Structures are given as structure tokens and as C-alpha cells.
Amino acid sequence: MSEFFNKIKNKKIDVLNNSINNLIETFQKSNVEEWTYIFGSKKEIIKRNLIAGIFRGVGIGIGVTIITAILVILLQRIVALNIPIIGEYIADIVEIVQKSR
């Protein structure tokens, strides 16, 4: 009779161990430890947001510069084609951009 109860007890322990292992794997996959560290430290939140903001600002600045340069080059080439109506407007825009440099 005690063997029967030991088998049941061992099965329950095995089920419990499997559940705990699954829970540990789930926590490791979802980086819960990192999140608890971040939410626990206000200095860490400020530091990460500051760094992210700096990189976003630099990225936006570089992106806008590149896109503007490409647009100016395209507009200069359209002006070189001497399309009567469009060419005059684009020439004015290119002139304004070059004066603002």
C-alpha cells in the first residue's frame, strides 16, 4: 500500500518539476529578469531613454539630410532638361535652397 502512495507522490513530484521547468523556460524566453531590473531602477529608465532619444535624433538628422540632398540633385537634373513650366518653378526652389546654405 505504501508503494502505491509513493508512486502517486513521485508522479506528482515529476509533474511539479516539469511545470517548474516550463515556467523557468518561459521566464528566460521573455527576459523577465531584465524587465524587473529596468522597472526597479528609475536611473536605468532615464539612461536608456536618453540614449535612445539621442540616437533617434541623430538618425532623423542624417536621414533628412540625405533625402534633402537627393531631392535637390533630382530637381537640378529636371531643371537641366529645360521643361518650360516645371523648370522655372524648380529653378526657383533650387535657388532658394542654395541661398539658405
Protein backbone atom coordinates (compact mmCIF):
# COMPACT_ATOMS: atom_id res chain seq x y z
CA MET A 1 0.00 0.00 0.00
CA SER A 2 2.84 2.40 0.78
CA GLU A 3 4.35 1.62 -2.63
CA PHE A 4 1.12 2.79 -4.26
CA PHE A 5 1.26 6.10 -2.37
CA ASN A 6 4.96 6.51 -3.16
CA LYS A 7 4.24 6.06 -6.88
CA ILE A 8 1.48 8.66 -6.74
CA LYS A 9 3.75 11.00 -4.77
CA ASN A 10 6.59 10.53 -7.28
CA LYS A 11 4.23 11.22 -10.20
CA LYS A 12 3.05 14.43 -8.54
CA ILE A 13 6.66 15.46 -7.92
CA ASP A 14 7.53 14.77 -11.57
CA VAL A 15 4.55 16.84 -12.77
CA LEU A 16 5.56 19.65 -10.41
CA ASN A 17 9.19 19.55 -11.61
CA ASN A 18 8.06 19.68 -15.25
CA SER A 19 5.78 22.62 -14.51
CA ILE A 20 8.58 24.49 -12.75
CA ASN A 21 10.99 23.82 -15.63
CA ASN A 22 8.41 25.07 -18.15
CA LEU A 23 7.88 28.20 -16.08
CA ILE A 24 11.63 28.85 -15.86
CA GLU A 25 11.98 28.46 -19.65
CA THR A 26 9.09 30.84 -20.23
CA PHE A 27 10.62 33.47 -17.96
CA GLN A 28 14.01 33.11 -19.64
CA LYS A 29 12.49 33.50 -23.10
CA SER A 30 10.54 36.61 -22.14
CA ASN A 31 13.51 38.35 -20.41
CA VAL A 32 11.53 38.91 -17.24
CA GLU A 33 14.73 39.42 -15.27
CA GLU A 34 15.76 42.35 -17.47
CA TRP A 35 12.30 43.91 -17.28
CA THR A 36 12.22 43.69 -13.49
CA TYR A 37 15.63 45.35 -13.35
CA ILE A 38 14.53 48.16 -15.65
CA PHE A 39 11.25 48.80 -13.84
CA GLY A 40 13.01 48.67 -10.49
CA SER A 41 15.56 51.36 -11.34
CA LYS A 42 14.45 54.84 -12.40
CA LYS A 43 18.03 55.80 -13.23
CA GLU A 44 18.19 52.91 -15.68
CA ILE A 45 14.96 54.01 -17.35
CA ILE A 46 16.25 57.58 -17.70
CA LYS A 47 19.61 56.40 -19.04
CA ARG A 48 18.07 54.10 -21.66
CA ASN A 49 15.53 56.69 -22.81
CA LEU A 50 18.20 59.40 -23.04
CA ILE A 51 20.47 57.22 -25.16
CA ALA A 52 17.55 56.12 -27.35
CA GLY A 53 16.48 59.74 -27.82
CA ILE A 54 19.98 60.83 -28.81
CA PHE A 55 20.28 58.08 -31.40
CA ARG A 56 16.80 58.78 -32.77
CA GLY A 57 17.64 62.47 -33.12
CA VAL A 58 20.93 61.76 -34.90
CA GLY A 59 19.20 59.24 -37.18
CA ILE A 60 16.47 61.70 -38.09
CA GLY A 61 19.04 64.41 -38.80
CA ILE A 62 21.10 62.17 -41.06
CA GLY A 63 18.01 60.82 -42.82
CA VAL A 64 16.55 64.26 -43.53
CA THR A 65 19.93 65.48 -44.82
CA ILE A 66 20.28 62.55 -47.22
CA ILE A 67 16.70 62.81 -48.51
CA THR A 68 17.02 66.58 -48.99
CA ALA A 69 20.29 66.16 -50.89
CA ILE A 70 18.74 63.55 -53.17
CA LEU A 71 15.74 65.79 -53.84
CA VAL A 72 17.95 68.77 -54.68
CA ILE A 73 20.02 66.66 -57.08
CA LEU A 74 16.86 65.36 -58.77
CA LEU A 75 15.43 68.87 -59.04
CA GLN A 76 18.69 70.17 -60.58
CA ARG A 77 18.55 67.42 -63.20
CA ILE A 78 14.92 68.23 -64.01
CA VAL A 79 15.89 71.89 -64.48
CA ALA A 80 18.68 70.78 -66.83
CA LEU A 81 16.04 69.16 -69.05
CA ASN A 82 14.56 72.63 -69.69
CA ILE A 83 10.92 71.67 -69.29
CA PRO A 84 9.23 75.06 -69.77
CA ILE A 85 6.74 75.42 -66.89
CA ILE A 86 8.10 72.93 -64.36
CA GLY A 87 11.70 74.01 -64.93
CA GLU A 88 11.08 77.59 -63.81
CA TYR A 89 9.41 76.57 -60.54
CA ILE A 90 12.09 74.01 -59.77
CA ALA A 91 14.84 76.51 -60.62
CA ASP A 92 13.33 78.90 -58.07
CA ILE A 93 13.20 76.16 -55.42
CA VAL A 94 16.80 75.09 -56.08
CA GLU A 95 17.93 78.73 -55.92
CA ILE A 96 16.17 79.23 -52.56
CA VAL A 97 17.77 76.07 -51.16
CA GLN A 98 21.24 77.07 -52.36
CA LYS A 99 20.88 80.56 -50.88
CA SER A 100 19.92 79.11 -47.49
CA ARG A 101 23.16 77.12 -47.26
